[in-house]
Amino acid sequence: MKKLCYSFLLSLLLCFQACAPLKPPTISGISNFNTSQLISSNPQIKFDILVNNPNKIGVKLQKLDLNLYLNDEIIFSNHTVGEKKIVASGSTLLPFTIEPNIDDIPKLLKGAKGTAGVKGKGSITVKKFLFK
């Protein structure tokens, strides 16, 4: 009987947790900005986005709309991500690789001196995951 009571209380707590509103995760920063493969047959820019989840449960990233700026010039826009898990009450690094247009490479090479001029603005769409 006690096991049944505990199981009921546990399921009730999970139900209330599922009904609680989510606090929005935030983009805490951009790191590991790498432009070393710009001068090649397949130019790429690699970087990581640090996403901070203030919630006590993990969330799944459904969509990330991001504008990435290098020295106040937009170099990347509107990247949508498949579902990736963001840990509860912590931060997650999300790796990205973009392939710029051949016309944008001169301005990227001009500003490719570390992450000093790199800025990002965007929005995150998430959903809760309790099971799976």
C-alpha atoms as a PDB file:
ATOM      1  CA  MET A   1       0.000   0.000   0.000  1.00  0.00           C
ATOM      2  CA  LYS A   2       2.864   2.357   0.819  1.00  0.00           C
ATOM      3  CA  LYS A   3       4.452   1.739  -2.596  1.00  0.00           C
ATOM      4  CA  LEU A   4       1.182   2.637  -4.281  1.00  0.00           C
ATOM      5  CA  CYS A   5       0.941   5.830  -2.234  1.00  0.00           C
ATOM      6  CA  TYR A   6       4.550   6.796  -3.047  1.00  0.00           C
ATOM      7  CA  SER A   7       4.008   6.054  -6.736  1.00  0.00           C
ATOM      8  CA  PHE A   8       0.908   8.237  -6.731  1.00  0.00           C
ATOM      9  CA  LEU A   9       2.749  11.110  -5.023  1.00  0.00           C
ATOM     10  CA  LEU A  10       5.670  10.832  -7.430  1.00  0.00           C
ATOM     11  CA  SER A  11       3.406  10.897 -10.470  1.00  0.00           C
ATOM     12  CA  LEU A  12       1.517  13.860  -8.980  1.00  0.00           C
ATOM     13  CA  LEU A  13       4.799  15.764  -8.521  1.00  0.00           C
ATOM     14  CA  LEU A  14       5.824  15.031 -12.109  1.00  0.00           C
ATOM     15  CA  CYS A  15       2.445  16.249 -13.281  1.00  0.00           C
ATOM     16  CA  PHE A  16       2.827  19.546 -11.419  1.00  0.00           C
ATOM     17  CA  GLN A  17       6.382  19.930 -12.734  1.00  0.00           C
ATOM     18  CA  ALA A  18       5.106  19.488 -16.289  1.00  0.00           C
ATOM     19  CA  CYS A  19       2.568  22.284 -15.748  1.00  0.00           C
ATOM     20  CA  ALA A  20       5.108  24.807 -14.438  1.00  0.00           C
ATOM     21  CA  PRO A  21       6.016  27.595 -16.878  1.00  0.00           C
ATOM     22  CA  LEU A  22       9.493  27.547 -18.386  1.00  0.00           C
ATOM     23  CA  LYS A  23      11.944  30.345 -17.861  1.00  0.00           C
ATOM     24  CA  PRO A  24      13.478  31.231 -21.233  1.00  0.00           C
ATOM     25  CA  PRO A  25      17.006  29.904 -21.831  1.00  0.00           C
ATOM     26  CA  THR A  26      19.523  32.548 -22.804  1.00  0.00           C
ATOM     27  CA  ILE A  27      22.493  32.710 -25.154  1.00  0.00           C
ATOM     28  CA  SER A  28      25.398  33.417 -22.822  1.00  0.00           C
ATOM     29  CA  GLY A  29      28.104  33.813 -25.413  1.00  0.00           C
ATOM     30  CA  ILE A  30      29.954  32.690 -28.500  1.00  0.00           C
ATOM     31  CA  SER A  31      33.251  30.842 -28.174  1.00  0.00           C
ATOM     32  CA  ASN A  32      35.771  28.914 -30.254  1.00  0.00           C
ATOM     33  CA  PHE A  33      35.204  31.163 -33.271  1.00  0.00           C
ATOM     34  CA  ASN A  34      37.403  29.605 -35.941  1.00  0.00           C
ATOM     35  CA  THR A  35      37.956  31.002 -39.428  1.00  0.00           C
ATOM     36  CA  SER A  36      41.028  28.930 -40.249  1.00  0.00           C
ATOM     37  CA  GLN A  37      39.316  27.133 -43.135  1.00  0.00           C
ATOM     38  CA  LEU A  38      38.261  30.254 -45.039  1.00  0.00           C
ATOM     39  CA  ILE A  39      40.943  29.890 -47.683  1.00  0.00           C
ATOM     40  CA  SER A  40      40.120  26.446 -49.028  1.00  0.00           C
ATOM     41  CA  SER A  41      37.935  24.789 -51.637  1.00  0.00           C
ATOM     42  CA  ASN A  42      35.175  24.404 -49.001  1.00  0.00           C
ATOM     43  CA  PRO A  43      35.267  27.545 -46.791  1.00  0.00           C
ATOM     44  CA  GLN A  44      33.835  27.104 -43.295  1.00  0.00           C
ATOM     45  CA  ILE A  45      33.405  29.055 -40.095  1.00  0.00           C
ATOM     46  CA  LYS A  46      33.092  27.062 -36.882  1.00  0.00           C
ATOM     47  CA  PHE A  47      31.888  28.393 -33.533  1.00  0.00           C
ATOM     48  CA  ASP A  48      30.101  27.312 -30.365  1.00  0.00           C
ATOM     49  CA  ILE A  49      27.101  28.964 -28.768  1.00  0.00           C
ATOM     50  CA  LEU A  50      26.772  28.746 -24.984  1.00  0.00           C
ATOM     51  CA  VAL A  51      23.107  28.331 -23.973  1.00  0.00           C
ATOM     52  CA  ASN A  52      22.193  28.730 -20.291  1.00  0.00           C
ATOM     53  CA  ASN A  53      19.099  26.907 -18.986  1.00  0.00           C
ATOM     54  CA  PRO A  54      17.767  28.350 -15.687  1.00  0.00           C
ATOM     55  CA  ASN A  55      15.052  25.653 -15.370  1.00  0.00           C
ATOM     56  CA  LYS A  56      15.229  22.665 -13.022  1.00  0.00           C
ATOM     57  CA  ILE A  57      14.355  20.336 -15.874  1.00  0.00           C
ATOM     58  CA  GLY A  58      16.121  19.798 -19.160  1.00  0.00           C
ATOM     59  CA  VAL A  59      14.697  21.272 -22.334  1.00  0.00           C
ATOM     60  CA  LYS A  60      14.968  20.418 -26.016  1.00  0.00           C
ATOM     61  CA  LEU A  61      16.077  23.127 -28.375  1.00  0.00           C
ATOM     62  CA  GLN A  62      13.646  23.164 -31.275  1.00  0.00           C
ATOM     63  CA  LYS A  63      14.684  26.292 -33.109  1.00  0.00           C
ATOM     64  CA  LEU A  64      17.406  28.891 -32.870  1.00  0.00           C
ATOM     65  CA  ASP A  65      17.103  32.071 -34.915  1.00  0.00           C
ATOM     66  CA  LEU A  66      20.459  33.760 -34.825  1.00  0.00           C
ATOM     67  CA  ASN A  67      22.138  36.715 -36.452  1.00  0.00           C
ATOM     68  CA  LEU A  68      25.910  36.599 -36.145  1.00  0.00           C
ATOM     69  CA  TYR A  69      27.861  39.833 -36.606  1.00  0.00           C
ATOM     70  CA  LEU A  70      31.564  40.340 -37.220  1.00  0.00           C
ATOM     71  CA  ASN A  71      32.636  43.961 -36.652  1.00  0.00           C
ATOM     72  CA  ASP A  72      28.970  45.046 -36.897  1.00  0.00           C
ATOM     73  CA  GLU A  73      28.456  43.394 -40.301  1.00  0.00           C
ATOM     74  CA  ILE A  74      26.085  40.463 -40.491  1.00  0.00           C
ATOM     75  CA  ILE A  75      27.819  37.265 -41.588  1.00  0.00           C
ATOM     76  CA  PHE A  76      25.206  34.664 -40.699  1.00  0.00           C
ATOM     77  CA  SER A  77      21.443  34.716 -40.291  1.00  0.00           C
ATOM     78  CA  ASN A  78      18.500  32.483 -39.349  1.00  0.00           C
ATOM     79  CA  HIS A  79      19.977  29.092 -38.618  1.00  0.00           C
ATOM     80  CA  THR A  80      17.407  26.520 -37.530  1.00  0.00           C
ATOM     81  CA  VAL A  81      18.574  23.613 -35.415  1.00  0.00           C
ATOM     82  CA  GLY A  82      17.013  20.199 -34.964  1.00  0.00           C
ATOM     83  CA  GLU A  83      16.201  19.031 -31.471  1.00  0.00           C
ATOM     84  CA  LYS A  84      19.203  19.175 -29.152  1.00  0.00           C
ATOM     85  CA  LYS A  85      19.068  18.657 -25.404  1.00  0.00           C
ATOM     86  CA  ILE A  86      20.028  21.443 -23.013  1.00  0.00           C
ATOM     87  CA  VAL A  87      20.827  20.234 -19.505  1.00  0.00           C
ATOM     88  CA  ALA A  88      18.816  21.273 -16.452  1.00  0.00           C
ATOM     89  CA  SER A  89      20.138  24.191 -14.392  1.00  0.00           C
ATOM     90  CA  GLY A  90      23.291  24.528 -16.436  1.00  0.00           C
ATOM     91  CA  SER A  91      24.951  25.502 -19.658  1.00  0.00           C
ATOM     92  CA  THR A  92      25.353  23.625 -22.918  1.00  0.00           C
ATOM     93  CA  LEU A  93      27.755  24.316 -25.778  1.00  0.00           C
ATOM     94  CA  LEU A  94      26.144  23.947 -29.203  1.00  0.00           C
ATOM     95  CA  PRO A  95      28.636  23.600 -32.065  1.00  0.00           C
ATOM     96  CA  PHE A  96      27.897  25.247 -35.419  1.00  0.00           C
ATOM     97  CA  THR A  97      29.548  25.144 -38.828  1.00  0.00           C
ATOM     98  CA  ILE A  98      28.535  27.579 -41.540  1.00  0.00           C
ATOM     99  CA  GLU A  99      29.660  27.886 -45.126  1.00  0.00           C
ATOM    100  CA  PRO A 100      29.858  31.545 -46.195  1.00  0.00           C
ATOM    101  CA  ASN A 101      29.357  32.833 -49.715  1.00  0.00           C
ATOM    102  CA  ILE A 102      32.506  33.290 -51.730  1.00  0.00           C
ATOM    103  CA  ASP A 103      31.698  37.034 -51.981  1.00  0.00           C
ATOM    104  CA  ASP A 104      31.773  37.410 -48.166  1.00  0.00           C
ATOM    105  CA  ILE A 105      35.235  35.912 -47.669  1.00  0.00           C
ATOM    106  CA  PRO A 106      37.227  39.183 -48.115  1.00  0.00           C
ATOM    107  CA  LYS A 107      35.304  40.961 -45.342  1.00  0.00           C
ATOM    108  CA  LEU A 108      35.590  37.860 -43.131  1.00  0.00           C
ATOM    109  CA  LEU A 109      39.349  37.722 -43.618  1.00  0.00           C
ATOM    110  CA  LYS A 110      39.583  41.420 -42.824  1.00  0.00           C
ATOM    111  CA  GLY A 111      37.790  40.936 -39.495  1.00  0.00           C
ATOM    112  CA  ALA A 112      39.006  37.434 -38.584  1.00  0.00           C
ATOM    113  CA  LYS A 113      41.226  38.356 -35.649  1.00  0.00           C
ATOM    114  CA  GLY A 114      39.773  36.338 -32.760  1.00  0.00           C
ATOM    115  CA  THR A 115      36.362  36.865 -31.214  1.00  0.00           C
ATOM    116  CA  ALA A 116      36.722  40.567 -30.308  1.00  0.00           C
ATOM    117  CA  GLY A 117      34.296  41.754 -32.986  1.00  0.00           C
ATOM    118  CA  VAL A 118      31.922  38.760 -32.921  1.00  0.00           C
ATOM    119  CA  LYS A 119      28.393  39.364 -31.607  1.00  0.00           C
ATOM    120  CA  GLY A 120      25.231  37.335 -31.783  1.00  0.00           C
ATOM    121  CA  LYS A 121      21.557  38.224 -31.429  1.00  0.00           C
ATOM    122  CA  GLY A 122      18.657  35.837 -31.684  1.00  0.00           C
ATOM    123  CA  SER A 123      15.828  33.885 -30.134  1.00  0.00           C
ATOM    124  CA  ILE A 124      15.438  30.359 -28.834  1.00  0.00           C
ATOM    125  CA  THR A 125      12.384  28.080 -29.017  1.00  0.00           C
ATOM    126  CA  VAL A 126      12.406  25.136 -26.592  1.00  0.00           C
ATOM    127  CA  LYS A 127      10.114  22.449 -25.249  1.00  0.00           C
ATOM    128  CA  LYS A 128      10.223  20.454 -22.036  1.00  0.00           C
ATOM    129  CA  PHE A 129      11.387  16.892 -21.918  1.00  0.00           C
ATOM    130  CA  LEU A 130      10.519  14.711 -18.978  1.00  0.00           C
ATOM    131  CA  PHE A 131      10.504  11.396 -20.732  1.00  0.00           C
ATOM    132  CA  LYS A 132      12.927  10.461 -23.503  1.00  0.00           C
END
